[in-house]
Structures are given as structure tokens and as C-alpha cells.
Amino acid sequence: MNSGFEGTLGLLRLPDLLRDIAFKRLTGSLRLSRGQTIKSIVFESGQPVNAFSSISSERLDIQLIKE
């Protein structure tokens, strides 16, 4: 069962959305995209527990492999 939602931020500001996720203690992932760039944050009970980026320079696993 999918109880999520999707759409554009429009007039909603990202900091307000993040505050609401924390205040409501939501669990799930927030996926943000613009063009080919995709970023997501995973939340458990309103707390961020993981983050992902399609930009290789922002990915820790890629940076560690290079070293």
C-alpha cells in the first residue's frame, strides 16, 4: 500500500517540508530531482538516516574507492 505523495515543491520551501517531516515524525524517503540530478533523503520517525545523490562527486562510496 502506498500512502505517500508526490508533486512539485511549488511555493512550499524545502526547509518547511523538512521541518514538517521531523515534526510529524514521518518515515520514508524524500526524492528531489532537477533535470538529470536526483537526490534523496531517507527518514525514520522524522530523523534523516541516509542520503543519496546521483552526482558522483557527492557520493562517499565513490570517493573512498578513488582513494
Protein backbone atom coordinates (compact mmCIF):
# COMPACT_ATOMS: atom_id res chain seq x y z
CA MET A 1 0.00 0.00 0.00
CA ASN A 2 1.42 3.37 -0.99
CA SER A 3 0.42 6.15 1.40
CA GLY A 4 2.93 8.63 0.03
CA PHE A 5 2.53 11.64 -2.16
CA GLU A 6 4.42 13.29 -4.96
CA GLY A 7 4.42 16.57 -6.76
CA THR A 8 6.35 19.76 -7.18
CA LEU A 9 7.51 21.97 -4.36
CA GLY A 10 5.86 24.99 -5.95
CA LEU A 11 5.50 27.64 -3.27
CA LEU A 12 6.47 25.22 -0.48
CA ARG A 13 10.03 25.81 0.68
CA LEU A 14 12.31 22.83 1.26
CA PRO A 15 13.19 23.86 4.85
CA ASP A 16 9.46 23.95 5.66
CA LEU A 17 8.98 20.48 4.18
CA LEU A 18 11.92 19.10 6.18
CA ARG A 19 10.52 20.68 9.36
CA ASP A 20 7.13 19.06 8.72
CA ILE A 21 8.74 15.66 8.18
CA ALA A 22 10.55 15.97 11.51
CA PHE A 23 7.55 17.39 13.40
CA LYS A 24 5.20 14.67 12.11
CA ARG A 25 7.85 12.00 12.69
CA LEU A 26 7.37 10.63 9.18
CA THR A 27 9.17 7.58 7.81
CA GLY A 28 10.06 7.20 4.15
CA SER A 29 12.19 8.82 1.51
CA LEU A 30 12.12 12.30 0.05
CA ARG A 31 13.29 12.32 -3.57
CA LEU A 32 14.26 15.59 -5.20
CA SER A 33 15.13 15.92 -8.85
CA ARG A 34 16.06 18.62 -11.30
CA GLY A 35 16.99 17.60 -14.81
CA GLN A 36 19.29 14.59 -14.60
CA THR A 37 20.22 15.22 -10.95
CA ILE A 38 18.44 13.13 -8.32
CA LYS A 39 18.93 13.37 -4.57
CA SER A 40 17.03 11.59 -1.85
CA ILE A 41 16.93 11.57 1.93
CA VAL A 42 15.65 8.60 3.92
CA PHE A 43 13.80 9.36 7.16
CA GLU A 44 12.84 7.14 10.10
CA SER A 45 10.43 8.72 12.57
CA GLY A 46 11.31 12.15 11.23
CA GLN A 47 15.07 11.72 11.56
CA PRO A 48 17.32 11.56 8.48
CA VAL A 49 19.15 8.22 8.43
CA ASN A 50 20.63 8.13 4.93
CA ALA A 51 21.08 10.26 1.83
CA PHE A 52 21.81 9.55 -1.80
CA SER A 53 22.94 11.63 -4.76
CA SER A 54 23.26 10.90 -8.46
CA ILE A 55 26.29 13.24 -8.57
CA SER A 56 29.36 11.05 -8.20
CA SER A 57 31.46 13.76 -6.51
CA GLU A 58 28.86 13.86 -3.71
CA ARG A 59 28.87 10.11 -3.10
CA LEU A 60 31.12 8.91 -0.30
CA ASP A 61 31.43 5.38 -1.71
CA ILE A 62 32.83 6.74 -4.98
CA GLN A 63 35.27 9.00 -3.11
CA LEU A 64 36.51 6.11 -0.94
CA ILE A 65 37.05 3.85 -3.96
CA LYS A 66 39.17 6.56 -5.63
CA GLU A 67 41.43 6.71 -2.59
